C-alpha atoms as a PDB file:
ATOM      1  CA  MET A   1      91.027 111.115 102.914  1.00  0.00           C
ATOM      2  CA  ASN A   2      91.092 115.144 103.007  1.00  0.00           C
ATOM      3  CA  PRO A   3      93.216 117.348 100.652  1.00  0.00           C
ATOM      4  CA  ILE A   4      96.346 118.473 102.299  1.00  0.00           C
ATOM      5  CA  ASN A   5      96.835 122.501 102.573  1.00  0.00           C
ATOM      6  CA  TYR A   6     100.239 122.615 101.796  1.00  0.00           C
ATOM      7  CA  ASN A   7     100.898 126.719 102.376  1.00  0.00           C
ATOM      8  CA  ALA A   8      99.586 125.616 106.022  1.00  0.00           C
ATOM      9  CA  LEU A   9     102.690 123.366 106.282  1.00  0.00           C
ATOM     10  CA  SER A  10     106.316 124.509 107.876  1.00  0.00           C
ATOM     11  CA  LEU A  11     108.841 123.786 104.689  1.00  0.00           C
ATOM     12  CA  ASP A  12     110.135 121.140 107.032  1.00  0.00           C
ATOM     13  CA  GLU A  13     106.728 119.419 107.613  1.00  0.00           C
ATOM     14  CA  LEU A  14     106.352 119.955 103.919  1.00  0.00           C
ATOM     15  CA  ARG A  15     109.786 118.443 103.470  1.00  0.00           C
ATOM     16  CA  GLN A  16     108.520 115.356 105.823  1.00  0.00           C
ATOM     17  CA  TYR A  17     105.618 114.781 104.253  1.00  0.00           C
ATOM     18  CA  VAL A  18     107.122 114.752 100.935  1.00  0.00           C
ATOM     19  CA  LEU A  19     109.341 111.889 102.252  1.00  0.00           C
ATOM     20  CA  THR A  20     106.898 109.712 103.128  1.00  0.00           C
ATOM     21  CA  HIS A  21     104.175 110.309 100.220  1.00  0.00           C
ATOM     22  CA  ARG A  22     107.133 109.888  97.838  1.00  0.00           C
ATOM     23  CA  GLU A  23     103.629 109.490  94.675  1.00  0.00           C
ATOM     24  CA  ASP A  24     102.209 112.484  95.453  1.00  0.00           C
ATOM     25  CA  THR A  25     103.631 114.851  92.827  1.00  0.00           C
ATOM     26  CA  THR A  26     102.112 117.915  93.847  1.00  0.00           C
ATOM     27  CA  ALA A  27     103.518 118.190  97.232  1.00  0.00           C
ATOM     28  CA  PHE A  28     107.093 117.512  95.847  1.00  0.00           C
ATOM     29  CA  TYR A  29     106.523 120.339  93.248  1.00  0.00           C
ATOM     30  CA  ALA A  30     104.718 123.173  96.178  1.00  0.00           C
ATOM     31  CA  TYR A  31     108.300 121.674  98.452  1.00  0.00           C
ATOM     32  CA  ILE A  32     110.802 122.584  95.401  1.00  0.00           C
ATOM     33  CA  ASP A  33     109.259 125.766  94.558  1.00  0.00           C
ATOM     34  CA  ARG A  34     109.262 126.934  98.160  1.00  0.00           C
ATOM     35  CA  SER A  35     112.379 125.722  99.264  1.00  0.00           C
ATOM     36  CA  LYS A  36     113.499 128.081  95.699  1.00  0.00           C
ATOM     37  CA  ALA A  37     111.494 130.874  97.222  1.00  0.00           C
ATOM     38  CA  ASP A  38     113.353 130.169 100.311  1.00  0.00           C
ATOM     39  CA  GLY A  39     116.859 130.012  99.107  1.00  0.00           C
ATOM     40  CA  ARG A  40     117.679 126.997  99.791  1.00  0.00           C
ATOM     41  CA  MET A  41     118.192 125.445  96.322  1.00  0.00           C
ATOM     42  CA  ILE A  42     121.643 125.713  95.180  1.00  0.00           C
ATOM     43  CA  THR A  43     122.119 125.963  91.336  1.00  0.00           C
ATOM     44  CA  VAL A  44     125.261 124.159  90.074  1.00  0.00           C
ATOM     45  CA  ASP A  45     126.754 125.365  86.737  1.00  0.00           C
ATOM     46  CA  LEU A  46     128.925 122.719  85.921  1.00  0.00           C
ATOM     47  CA  GLU A  47     130.317 125.107  82.784  1.00  0.00           C
ATOM     48  CA  ASP A  48     132.128 127.193  85.778  1.00  0.00           C
ATOM     49  CA  ASN A  49     135.104 125.571  86.986  1.00  0.00           C
ATOM     50  CA  HIS A  50     135.135 127.230  90.095  1.00  0.00           C
ATOM     51  CA  TRP A  51     131.519 126.009  90.806  1.00  0.00           C
ATOM     52  CA  GLU A  52     133.114 124.025  93.747  1.00  0.00           C
ATOM     53  CA  GLU A  53     134.142 127.384  95.344  1.00  0.00           C
ATOM     54  CA  LYS A  54     130.945 129.125  94.905  1.00  0.00           C
ATOM     55  CA  ILE A  55     128.779 126.626  96.613  1.00  0.00           C
ATOM     56  CA  THR A  56     130.650 125.776  99.757  1.00  0.00           C
ATOM     57  CA  PRO A  57     130.161 128.520 101.449  1.00  0.00           C
ATOM     58  CA  GLN A  58     126.175 128.167 100.731  1.00  0.00           C
ATOM     59  CA  ILE A  59     125.954 124.738 101.957  1.00  0.00           C
ATOM     60  CA  GLN A  60     128.132 125.814 105.245  1.00  0.00           C
ATOM     61  CA  ARG A  61     125.306 128.193 105.460  1.00  0.00           C
ATOM     62  CA  ASP A  62     122.879 126.024 105.632  1.00  0.00           C
ATOM     63  CA  ARG A  63     123.892 123.479 107.669  1.00  0.00           C
ATOM     64  CA  PRO A  64     121.984 123.248 110.977  1.00  0.00           C
END
């Protein structure tokens, strides 16, 4: 099997690849790193009583 160039895939293509190749941990970490860099990852601080109010706009912004 030829090695996969994760950087050549779009983020959505990489996501699909990860979903169909769950054993490929390198692809998973590449997807997580690129998602964070792209601003798609949302961090929740459960100690903050207003966490839900803060993430709701981010979730709605990211909906297709």
